[in-house]
Protein backbone atom coordinates (compact mmCIF):
# COMPACT_ATOMS: atom_id res chain seq x y z
CA UNK A 1 0.08 -0.25 -0.56
CA UNK A 2 1.28 3.41 -0.87
CA UNK A 3 -1.56 6.04 0.25
CA UNK A 4 0.03 9.75 1.02
CA UNK A 5 -2.66 9.43 4.21
CA UNK A 6 0.04 7.56 5.74
CA UNK A 7 2.05 10.62 7.28
CA UNK A 8 -1.02 11.65 8.76
CA UNK A 9 -1.37 8.15 10.14
CA UNK A 10 1.57 7.12 11.10
CA UNK A 11 2.01 10.65 13.12
CA UNK A 12 -1.38 10.05 14.61
CA UNK A 13 0.12 6.12 15.84
CA UNK A 14 3.30 7.97 16.99
CA UNK A 15 2.37 11.00 18.53
CA UNK A 16 -1.04 11.01 18.99
CA UNK A 17 -1.54 13.67 21.87
CA UNK A 18 1.22 16.23 20.18
CA UNK A 19 -0.28 19.21 18.26
CA UNK A 20 -0.57 18.53 15.00
CA UNK A 21 -2.09 22.08 14.25
CA UNK A 22 -2.63 25.40 15.88
CA UNK A 23 -4.87 27.84 14.80
CA UNK A 24 -5.23 31.07 17.18
CA UNK A 25 -6.52 29.58 20.39
CA UNK A 26 -7.72 26.33 19.16
CA UNK A 27 -4.90 23.31 19.41
CA UNK A 28 -5.60 20.07 17.66
CA UNK A 29 -4.23 16.99 17.97
CA UNK A 30 -2.89 13.83 15.72
CA UNK A 31 -5.13 11.66 17.11
CA UNK A 32 -8.18 14.38 16.29
CA UNK A 33 -7.37 15.11 12.77
CA UNK A 34 -6.74 11.63 12.39
CA UNK A 35 -10.36 10.92 13.81
CA UNK A 36 -11.83 14.00 11.90
CA UNK A 37 -9.90 12.37 8.78
CA UNK A 38 -11.75 9.12 8.76
CA UNK A 39 -15.37 10.32 9.34
CA UNK A 40 -14.45 12.82 6.05
CA UNK A 41 -13.46 9.36 4.64
CA UNK A 42 -16.74 7.23 6.33
CA UNK A 43 -18.64 10.38 4.88
CA UNK A 44 -17.93 10.41 1.25
CA UNK A 45 -18.02 6.74 1.06
CA UNK A 46 -21.74 6.76 2.17
CA UNK A 47 -22.43 9.50 -0.56
CA UNK A 48 -21.33 7.01 -3.06
CA UNK A 49 -17.76 8.60 -3.81
CA UNK A 50 -15.79 5.89 -4.74
CA UNK A 51 -11.93 5.61 -5.09
CA UNK A 52 -10.71 7.40 -8.23
CA UNK A 53 -13.71 10.30 -8.08
CA UNK A 54 -12.53 13.86 -7.39
CA UNK A 55 -13.10 15.67 -4.12
CA UNK A 56 -12.59 19.34 -4.49
CA UNK A 57 -11.32 22.16 -1.40
CA UNK A 58 -11.30 25.22 -1.20
CA UNK A 59 -10.43 26.49 2.24
CA UNK A 60 -7.62 29.27 3.25
CA UNK A 61 -5.47 27.62 5.88
CA UNK A 62 -7.34 26.63 8.59
CA UNK A 63 -7.18 22.86 10.59
CA UNK A 64 -9.94 22.02 7.92
CA UNK A 65 -7.75 21.80 5.08
CA UNK A 66 -5.64 18.34 6.52
CA UNK A 67 -8.88 17.31 7.91
CA UNK A 68 -10.43 17.15 4.35
CA UNK A 69 -7.16 16.61 2.74
CA UNK A 70 -6.36 13.28 4.14
CA UNK A 71 -9.91 12.30 4.84
CA UNK A 72 -10.39 12.10 0.56
CA UNK A 73 -7.49 10.38 0.23
CA UNK A 74 -8.28 7.61 3.17
CA UNK A 75 -11.40 6.89 0.81
CA UNK A 76 -8.81 6.76 -2.37
CA UNK A 77 -10.86 9.65 -4.01
CA UNK A 78 -8.54 12.33 -5.78
CA UNK A 79 -8.02 15.73 -4.18
CA UNK A 80 -8.33 18.70 -6.15
CA UNK A 81 -7.13 21.98 -3.92
CA UNK A 82 -8.67 25.56 -5.27
CA UNK A 83 -7.35 28.64 -5.15
CA UNK A 84 -9.49 30.29 -2.16
CA UNK A 85 -9.57 33.70 -4.71
CA UNK A 86 -11.56 31.99 -7.77
CA UNK A 87 -14.88 33.63 -8.24
CA UNK A 88 -18.31 31.36 -9.53
CA UNK A 89 -17.38 31.38 -12.93
CA UNK A 90 -13.90 30.00 -12.34
CA UNK A 91 -14.63 27.24 -9.72
CA UNK A 92 -17.12 25.62 -12.02
CA UNK A 93 -14.69 25.60 -14.34
CA UNK A 94 -12.24 23.69 -12.14
CA UNK A 95 -15.29 21.64 -11.12
CA UNK A 96 -16.36 20.53 -14.60
CA UNK A 97 -12.42 20.65 -16.00
CA UNK A 98 -11.72 18.15 -13.19
CA UNK A 99 -14.84 15.85 -12.77
CA UNK A 100 -15.20 16.79 -9.79
CA UNK A 101 -17.96 14.37 -7.80
CA UNK A 102 -17.68 16.80 -4.22
CA UNK A 103 -16.37 20.21 -3.04
CA UNK A 104 -15.94 21.30 0.59
CA UNK A 105 -15.77 24.88 0.71
CA UNK A 106 -14.95 27.10 3.55
CA UNK A 107 -17.48 29.67 4.63
CA UNK A 108 -15.18 32.80 4.34
CA UNK A 109 -15.46 36.49 5.89
CA UNK A 110 -17.91 39.18 4.94
CA UNK A 111 -14.83 40.00 3.02
CA UNK A 112 -14.33 37.09 1.09
CA UNK A 113 -16.96 35.23 1.05
CA UNK A 114 -15.51 31.92 0.09
CA UNK A 115 -18.87 29.83 0.98
CA UNK A 116 -21.18 31.96 -1.41
CA UNK A 117 -18.78 31.82 -4.48
CA UNK A 118 -18.05 28.52 -3.73
CA UNK A 119 -21.99 27.40 -3.87
CA UNK A 120 -22.54 29.33 -6.68
CA UNK A 121 -20.17 27.72 -8.76
CA UNK A 122 -21.31 24.44 -7.53
CA UNK A 123 -24.60 25.29 -8.53
CA UNK A 124 -23.28 25.64 -12.45
CA UNK A 125 -21.20 22.41 -12.19
CA UNK A 126 -23.71 19.80 -13.57
CA UNK A 127 -21.36 17.14 -12.47
CA UNK A 128 -20.84 17.74 -9.03
CA UNK A 129 -23.28 16.11 -6.40
CA UNK A 130 -22.75 17.42 -2.97
CA UNK A 131 -21.27 20.94 -1.56
CA UNK A 132 -20.24 20.74 2.58
CA UNK A 133 -19.72 24.16 4.00
CA UNK A 134 -17.19 24.26 6.33
CA UNK A 135 -18.46 27.31 8.74
CA UNK A 136 -16.46 29.94 10.54
CA UNK A 137 -17.32 29.16 13.75
CA UNK A 138 -18.42 25.77 15.72
CA UNK A 139 -21.44 27.81 17.78
CA UNK A 140 -22.96 27.65 13.80
CA UNK A 141 -25.59 25.32 13.63
CA UNK A 142 -27.35 26.68 10.65
CA UNK A 143 -26.25 27.20 7.36
CA UNK A 144 -26.50 30.44 6.31
CA UNK A 145 -26.55 29.35 2.89
CA UNK A 146 -29.44 27.81 1.18
CA UNK A 147 -29.57 24.64 -0.22
CA UNK A 148 -25.90 24.30 1.67
CA UNK A 149 -24.54 21.10 4.18
CA UNK A 150 -22.93 21.95 6.98
CA UNK A 151 -19.77 20.28 7.85
CA UNK A 152 -20.20 19.07 10.82
CA UNK A 153 -23.78 18.25 10.61
CA UNK A 154 -23.25 15.68 7.61
CA UNK A 155 -20.06 14.23 9.80
CA UNK A 156 -22.49 13.67 12.53
CA UNK A 157 -22.10 10.19 13.46
CA UNK A 158 -19.70 8.67 11.20
CA UNK A 159 -17.33 6.44 12.66
CA UNK A 160 -14.06 7.92 13.68
CA UNK A 161 -12.07 4.31 12.06
CA UNK A 162 -11.59 3.74 8.87
CA UNK A 163 -9.89 1.09 6.94
CA UNK A 164 -7.73 3.13 3.96
CA UNK A 165 -8.23 2.19 0.88
CA UNK A 166 -5.69 0.86 -0.71
CA UNK A 167 -3.43 2.60 -3.89
CA UNK A 168 -0.84 2.10 -6.19
CA UNK A 169 2.23 4.24 -5.92
CA UNK A 170 0.73 5.47 -9.83
CA UNK A 171 -2.49 6.34 -8.82
CA UNK A 172 -3.55 9.76 -8.68
CA UNK A 173 -3.67 11.52 -5.64
CA UNK A 174 -3.80 15.39 -6.25
CA UNK A 175 -5.11 17.21 -9.20
CA UNK A 176 -3.56 20.58 -8.49
CA UNK A 177 -4.19 23.23 -10.93
CA UNK A 178 -1.55 25.79 -12.51
CA UNK A 179 -1.73 29.30 -13.01
CA UNK A 180 -3.01 29.56 -16.21
CA UNK A 181 -0.81 31.98 -17.50
CA UNK A 182 -1.64 30.81 -21.46
CA UNK A 183 -5.00 29.69 -21.88
CA UNK A 184 -7.51 27.81 -19.41
CA UNK A 185 -5.92 26.08 -16.29
CA UNK A 186 -4.34 22.93 -16.57
CA UNK A 187 -4.92 20.22 -14.15
CA UNK A 188 -1.18 18.60 -13.21
CA UNK A 189 -2.28 15.05 -12.15
CA UNK A 190 0.62 14.51 -9.05
CA UNK A 191 0.14 10.48 -8.25
CA UNK A 192 0.79 8.95 -4.28
CA UNK A 193 4.65 7.97 -4.99
CA UNK A 194 4.85 11.39 -6.57
CA UNK A 195 4.26 13.65 -3.66
CA UNK A 196 5.36 10.93 -0.95
CA UNK A 197 8.90 10.13 -2.19
CA UNK A 198 8.98 14.35 -2.62
CA UNK A 199 8.04 14.65 1.12
CA UNK A 200 10.69 12.51 2.20
CA UNK A 201 13.03 13.29 -0.07
CA UNK A 202 12.59 17.02 1.30
CA UNK A 203 12.63 16.12 4.54
CA UNK A 204 16.25 15.29 4.15
CA UNK A 205 17.49 18.66 2.60
CA UNK A 206 17.13 20.83 6.11
CA UNK A 207 18.04 19.96 9.66
CA UNK A 208 15.12 19.09 12.06
CA UNK A 209 15.27 18.52 15.83
CA UNK A 210 12.75 16.00 18.01
CA UNK A 211 9.42 18.74 17.46
CA UNK A 212 9.74 21.11 15.07
CA UNK A 213 7.25 24.21 14.74
CA UNK A 214 6.67 25.19 11.33
CA UNK A 215 4.62 28.11 10.19
CA UNK A 216 2.23 27.48 7.71
CA UNK A 217 1.47 30.91 5.48
CA UNK A 218 2.12 29.49 2.06
CA UNK A 219 -1.26 28.85 0.63
CA UNK A 220 -1.75 24.95 1.39
CA UNK A 221 -4.08 24.97 -1.79
CA UNK A 222 -0.45 25.37 -3.54
CA UNK A 223 1.68 22.42 -4.09
CA UNK A 224 4.86 24.69 -1.80
CA UNK A 225 2.43 24.54 1.11
CA UNK A 226 1.36 21.05 0.57
CA UNK A 227 4.78 19.32 0.18
CA UNK A 228 7.17 21.53 1.22
CA UNK A 229 5.33 22.26 5.05
CA UNK A 230 2.07 20.05 5.75
CA UNK A 231 3.85 17.06 4.03
CA UNK A 232 6.58 17.37 5.63
CA UNK A 233 5.89 18.58 8.48
CA UNK A 234 3.24 15.72 9.36
CA UNK A 235 5.78 13.26 8.20
CA UNK A 236 8.32 15.19 10.75
CA UNK A 237 5.39 14.73 13.49
CA UNK A 238 5.96 19.16 13.24
CA UNK A 239 3.35 21.19 15.14
CA UNK A 240 2.10 23.22 12.16
CA UNK A 241 1.11 26.97 12.98
CA UNK A 242 -1.74 27.80 10.38
CA UNK A 243 -1.71 31.89 9.55
CA UNK A 244 -4.70 32.00 6.85
CA UNK A 245 -3.31 35.29 5.14
CA UNK A 246 0.12 36.28 5.08
CA UNK A 247 0.94 39.93 6.76
CA UNK A 248 4.11 40.39 8.43
CA UNK A 249 3.26 41.44 11.91
CA UNK A 250 1.05 38.86 12.71
CA UNK A 251 3.95 36.39 10.89
CA UNK A 252 6.40 38.36 13.01
CA UNK A 253 3.64 37.69 16.30
CA UNK A 254 3.55 34.09 15.53
CA UNK A 255 7.12 33.39 14.87
CA UNK A 256 7.72 34.78 18.35
CA UNK A 257 5.02 32.78 20.22
CA UNK A 258 5.06 29.91 19.08
CA UNK A 259 8.57 29.45 19.00
CA UNK A 260 8.89 28.52 15.07
CA UNK A 261 11.98 26.98 14.44
CA UNK A 262 10.84 26.66 10.43
CA UNK A 263 9.87 29.50 7.80
CA UNK A 264 8.97 28.82 4.38
CA UNK A 265 8.15 31.38 1.91
CA UNK A 266 7.98 33.24 -1.06
CA UNK A 267 10.57 36.29 -2.23
CA UNK A 268 7.67 38.44 -1.33
CA UNK A 269 6.98 37.62 2.22
CA UNK A 270 10.90 37.49 3.36
CA UNK A 271 10.76 41.15 1.80
CA UNK A 272 7.54 42.14 3.88
CA UNK A 273 9.56 40.53 6.85
CA UNK A 274 12.75 42.61 5.84
CA UNK A 275 10.94 45.77 5.49
CA UNK A 276 9.03 45.35 8.57
CA UNK A 277 9.87 47.55 11.67
CA UNK A 278 10.45 44.65 13.93
CA UNK A 279 11.05 45.54 17.20
CA UNK A 280 14.50 44.49 18.93
CA UNK A 281 13.02 41.89 21.24
CA UNK A 282 10.64 40.40 18.64
CA UNK A 283 14.04 39.99 16.21
CA UNK A 284 16.16 38.62 19.33
CA UNK A 285 13.11 35.85 19.99
CA UNK A 286 13.09 35.03 16.65
CA UNK A 287 16.64 34.34 16.06
CA UNK A 288 17.14 32.49 19.36
CA UNK A 289 14.31 29.94 17.60
CA UNK A 290 14.21 30.29 14.23
CA UNK A 291 16.81 27.67 12.63
CA UNK A 292 16.16 27.33 9.03
CA UNK A 293 14.23 29.89 5.85
CA UNK A 294 13.32 27.76 2.92
CA UNK A 295 12.71 29.99 -0.70
CA UNK A 296 10.74 28.98 -3.22
CA UNK A 297 8.05 29.84 -6.03
CA UNK A 298 10.14 32.65 -7.42
CA UNK A 299 13.75 33.97 -7.67
CA UNK A 300 15.18 35.04 -4.01
CA UNK A 301 16.42 38.35 -5.13
CA UNK A 302 20.16 38.58 -3.39
CA UNK A 303 19.62 41.16 -1.35
CA UNK A 304 16.76 40.10 0.03
CA UNK A 305 18.18 37.05 0.75
CA UNK A 306 21.34 38.44 2.90
CA UNK A 307 18.94 40.88 4.47
CA UNK A 308 17.34 37.82 6.09
CA UNK A 309 20.23 36.06 7.16
CA UNK A 310 21.53 39.23 8.54
CA UNK A 311 18.21 40.14 10.59
CA UNK A 312 17.31 36.80 11.54
CA UNK A 313 20.50 34.88 11.51
CA UNK A 314 18.76 31.48 10.08
CA UNK A 315 20.27 29.61 7.08
CA UNK A 316 18.20 30.46 4.37
CA UNK A 317 18.30 27.80 1.69
CA UNK A 318 16.48 28.29 -1.81
CA UNK A 319 15.24 25.49 -4.25
CA UNK A 320 13.30 25.14 -7.23
CA UNK A 321 10.23 23.32 -8.35
CA UNK A 322 6.92 23.74 -10.10
CA UNK A 323 3.44 22.13 -9.57
CA UNK A 324 3.93 19.47 -12.75
CA UNK A 325 7.17 18.29 -10.20
CA UNK A 326 5.44 17.93 -7.01
CA UNK A 327 7.14 20.58 -6.68
CA UNK A 328 10.79 20.04 -5.66
CA UNK A 329 13.67 19.52 -8.14
CA UNK A 330 16.78 21.08 -6.72
CA UNK A 331 18.07 22.85 -3.61
CA UNK A 332 21.17 23.80 -1.86
CA UNK A 333 21.66 20.59 -0.10
CA UNK A 334 22.87 20.45 3.29
CA UNK A 335 25.80 18.35 2.36
CA UNK A 336 26.90 20.76 -0.62
CA UNK A 337 28.15 24.00 -0.12
CA UNK A 338 25.37 26.87 -0.28
CA UNK A 339 25.55 29.16 -3.56
CA UNK A 340 23.09 32.58 -2.99
CA UNK A 341 21.64 32.94 -6.14
CA UNK A 342 21.50 29.65 -7.18
CA UNK A 343 18.93 26.89 -6.97
CA UNK A 344 21.06 24.50 -6.33
CA UNK A 345 21.81 20.56 -7.20
CA UNK A 346 19.17 18.35 -8.12
CA UNK A 347 17.40 16.49 -5.54
CA UNK A 348 18.27 12.27 -4.51
CA UNK A 349 16.39 10.63 -7.75
CA UNK A 350 16.04 13.66 -10.07
CA UNK A 351 18.06 14.76 -13.30
CA UNK A 352 18.21 18.02 -14.79
CA UNK A 353 19.97 19.52 -18.25
CA UNK A 354 19.56 22.04 -20.08
CA UNK A 355 17.58 22.29 -23.69
CA UNK A 356 16.88 24.26 -26.44
CA UNK A 357 13.56 25.01 -28.15
CA UNK A 358 13.67 21.58 -30.15
CA UNK A 359 14.29 19.47 -27.13
CA UNK A 360 18.21 19.28 -27.90
CA UNK A 361 20.60 19.39 -24.97
CA UNK A 362 22.73 22.42 -24.59
CA UNK A 363 26.19 21.46 -22.71
CA UNK A 364 28.32 23.52 -20.52
CA UNK A 365 26.91 26.93 -18.75
CA UNK A 366 24.46 27.39 -21.26
CA UNK A 367 21.75 29.30 -20.92
CA UNK A 368 18.87 27.27 -21.67
CA UNK A 369 15.46 25.62 -21.10
CA UNK A 370 15.42 23.11 -17.92
CA UNK A 371 13.84 20.10 -18.60
CA UNK A 372 13.63 17.53 -15.25
CA UNK A 373 12.86 13.82 -15.09
CA UNK A 374 12.84 11.57 -11.81
CA UNK A 375 10.22 10.06 -9.26
CA UNK A 376 8.66 14.20 -9.28
CA UNK A 377 7.07 14.46 -12.39
CA UNK A 378 3.61 14.38 -12.80
CA UNK A 379 1.89 11.36 -14.97
CA UNK A 380 0.36 14.46 -17.60
CA UNK A 381 -2.29 17.50 -17.20
CA UNK A 382 -5.59 15.58 -16.87
CA UNK A 383 -7.60 14.73 -19.96
CA UNK A 384 -5.16 16.92 -21.90
CA UNK A 385 -2.78 14.35 -23.78
CA UNK A 386 -1.79 17.08 -26.57
CA UNK A 387 -0.80 19.62 -23.86
CA UNK A 388 0.93 16.65 -22.19
CA UNK A 389 2.63 15.74 -25.46
CA UNK A 390 3.94 19.12 -25.42
CA UNK A 391 5.27 19.02 -22.19
CA UNK A 392 7.00 15.75 -21.46
CA UNK A 393 8.85 13.47 -23.81
CA UNK A 394 10.54 10.35 -22.91
CA UNK A 395 10.05 10.89 -19.34
CA UNK A 396 11.12 14.69 -19.46
CA UNK A 397 8.99 17.58 -18.40
CA UNK A 398 9.99 20.87 -19.96
CA UNK A 399 9.77 23.86 -17.77
CA UNK A 400 9.11 27.36 -19.16
CA UNK A 401 12.48 28.44 -17.27
CA UNK A 402 16.07 29.47 -18.39
CA UNK A 403 19.09 29.22 -16.40
CA UNK A 404 22.84 28.89 -16.63
CA UNK A 405 24.92 26.15 -14.38
CA UNK A 406 28.14 26.61 -13.10
CA UNK A 407 30.87 23.82 -13.35
CA UNK A 408 30.03 22.26 -10.12
CA UNK A 409 26.25 21.76 -11.77
CA UNK A 410 24.49 24.26 -9.57
CA UNK A 411 21.92 25.94 -11.28
CA UNK A 412 20.71 29.40 -11.79
CA UNK A 413 17.30 30.45 -13.19
CA UNK A 414 17.65 33.45 -15.45
CA UNK A 415 13.94 34.24 -16.15
CA UNK A 416 10.90 32.58 -17.45
CA UNK A 417 10.76 31.68 -21.16
CA UNK A 418 7.53 33.72 -21.69
CA UNK A 419 9.18 36.59 -19.36
CA UNK A 420 11.78 37.34 -21.77
CA UNK A 421 11.80 40.60 -23.39
CA UNK A 422 13.37 40.72 -26.82
CA UNK A 423 14.58 44.33 -27.88
CA UNK A 424 15.53 45.14 -30.68
CA UNK A 425 16.34 41.44 -31.04
CA UNK A 426 18.60 41.74 -27.97
CA UNK A 427 17.40 38.76 -25.39
CA UNK A 428 17.04 40.72 -21.98
CA UNK A 429 16.26 38.41 -18.87
CA UNK A 430 14.15 40.46 -16.52
CA UNK A 431 15.90 38.59 -13.39
CA UNK A 432 19.10 40.16 -13.84
CA UNK A 433 17.96 43.38 -14.15
CA UNK A 434 15.66 42.78 -11.34
CA UNK A 435 18.48 42.28 -9.05
CA UNK A 436 20.73 44.89 -9.98
CA UNK A 437 17.50 47.84 -9.41
CA UNK A 438 17.06 46.23 -5.73
CA UNK A 439 20.79 47.11 -4.86
CA UNK A 440 19.79 50.71 -5.57
CA UNK A 441 19.66 52.28 -2.00
CA UNK A 442 16.19 53.92 -2.41
CA UNK A 443 14.69 50.80 -4.16
CA UNK A 444 12.57 48.28 -2.10
CA UNK A 445 10.95 46.23 -4.68
CA UNK A 446 11.26 46.10 -8.27
CA UNK A 447 9.39 43.93 -11.10
CA UNK A 448 10.81 44.47 -15.01
CA UNK A 449 8.46 43.43 -17.88
CA UNK A 450 8.68 43.98 -21.58
CA UNK A 451 5.68 46.41 -23.46
CA UNK A 452 5.18 47.21 -26.58
CA UNK A 453 7.16 49.82 -29.03
CA UNK A 454 6.94 50.54 -32.62
CA UNK A 455 10.35 50.22 -33.54
CA UNK A 456 12.14 47.86 -30.78
CA UNK A 457 9.45 45.78 -30.90
CA UNK A 458 9.48 46.12 -26.92
CA UNK A 459 10.99 48.09 -24.41
CA UNK A 460 12.09 47.65 -20.83
CA UNK A 461 9.87 48.96 -18.04
CA UNK A 462 10.66 48.77 -14.32
CA UNK A 463 7.89 48.91 -11.76
CA UNK A 464 9.79 49.85 -8.74
CA UNK A 465 8.31 50.22 -4.92
CA UNK A 466 10.86 52.57 -3.24
CA UNK A 467 12.19 52.70 0.68
CA UNK A 468 10.46 55.05 3.08
CA UNK A 469 10.68 58.85 2.45
CA UNK A 470 12.56 57.97 -0.51
CA UNK A 471 13.00 61.08 -3.31
CA UNK A 472 14.41 59.25 -6.06
CA UNK A 473 12.91 60.33 -9.44
CA UNK A 474 12.24 58.29 -13.06
CA UNK A 475 14.78 60.31 -14.72
CA UNK A 476 17.52 59.35 -11.63
CA UNK A 477 17.05 55.83 -11.38
CA UNK A 478 17.01 55.47 -15.37
CA UNK A 479 20.17 57.58 -15.48
CA UNK A 480 21.76 55.25 -12.95
CA UNK A 481 19.97 52.22 -14.78
CA UNK A 482 22.03 53.08 -17.84
CA UNK A 483 25.70 53.17 -15.94
CA UNK A 484 24.46 49.90 -14.73
CA UNK A 485 23.65 47.80 -17.89
CA UNK A 486 24.38 47.58 -21.72
CA UNK A 487 22.70 49.82 -23.86
CA UNK A 488 19.89 47.57 -24.74
CA UNK A 489 19.27 46.64 -20.98
CA UNK A 490 18.47 49.41 -19.20
CA UNK A 491 14.87 50.03 -18.14
CA UNK A 492 13.82 53.15 -20.11
CA UNK A 493 10.68 53.61 -18.83
CA UNK A 494 10.28 53.45 -15.05
CA UNK A 495 6.72 53.53 -13.05
CA UNK A 496 7.06 53.83 -9.33
CA UNK A 497 3.87 52.32 -7.27
CA UNK A 498 3.17 51.69 -3.51
CA UNK A 499 2.44 47.75 -4.00
CA UNK A 500 2.66 45.70 -7.00
CA UNK A 501 -0.07 42.84 -8.13
CA UNK A 502 0.72 39.34 -6.40
CA UNK A 503 -0.94 36.09 -6.75
CA UNK A 504 -2.51 34.26 -3.56
CA UNK A 505 0.99 33.00 -3.33
CA UNK A 506 2.63 35.76 -3.24
CA UNK A 507 4.35 35.93 -6.91
CA UNK A 508 4.54 39.29 -8.43
CA UNK A 509 1.24 39.10 -11.09
CA UNK A 510 3.80 40.57 -14.40
CA UNK A 511 0.73 39.83 -16.80
CA UNK A 512 -0.94 42.50 -15.03
CA UNK A 513 1.77 44.64 -14.98
CA UNK A 514 2.27 44.20 -18.96
């Protein structure tokens, strides 16, 4: 048997009374989470959900997420995590495209009424048969949405034991939808073997204690949070401190209060922690406990990496992966020297190489597009054979990320191939420009995109957040950039902003900036 739910079941057996999940004043043990997951599995079986059927979940970082996630897996179902920012039309698309039979949806808040939007989307998805509303308050006894069944009432007297369905390593465990930057979002089919192996290998990549405490601020509906925080955390029998929405002051408060020793985040989270006016007492308290800061999701600017290391005295370890790779593909491994700015070396059981547009291998430094092969590669895109064939060949998956490689085999992301700017026939990689722009003393954050230009095809534009009290002007930054970059590279256009558009996972939305 190789069912991913073993991560929860084994922890519940070995450390039944340990806090598995902390949310505010709520502290729930491993045995409790496991029992509720068993009730979820029994509920799904009682409603006719069969092994292989799809079960969707729309929930921020709350105890509900692991309860439903592992409960569905125990029943042999396939989990379809939904981004909590989806609107009804998008929810209906995801439910229909994945053939979901049930949707578990958090009630939400007045500002973000997830339950109302989820139910509206559910009603538009003909094949989805069951809707369970997970209430914001345990005191809720009547559903605030007509026709929606309350989660706890549905569990009712469902047994707290369940014999987990036997699954093969090659059976699909999760269908994870990509961000859909081109065309409609596609569902990457990740197997029990993909996810379990990736969690177990990831566990070896950074130090652990007898009882780790991890801050869960990466969305669990995203593969980075799912694998590197929840699944690795449960494999370690760690305590997961839930933070539904990242806000630097709340994150700092939880880092201090819960004595967190592991933090995983995307670059914008680290930038926010770095620029937050954290008190000296809180910085000292965080330094005392925080050992490891894992970065992924996008390239971490060198200035941010150095700043976090100096501020909190923690090992900042950068890795790389995608939804289609479960996600971890490479990492700055603890048994080898760490190279700032590098995504490290391929993890155990994974190969990486550089290829050109025709899949031909590029030797030496490159640059080239990263291709990956190993235990972490998805089965394919759900019901999309043509898209799968475009992305995969002979076991290799092409990532769309452009990188170079040094003589010791370390990889360095240059940019997303689709983000590359072609100005007057010259290739310009925004990542390189962003790194340098952020070394300017009055620049806090920068995002570079290409904008249409009559004669050059594209022109280079920088969107910039200035440091507090900065007096920097557009002309001054353009002149400074001209000194730093080749003539074809430097940004001719600068726009200052107070904030930049970001995804729910904290990535800068360059398509919106374009």
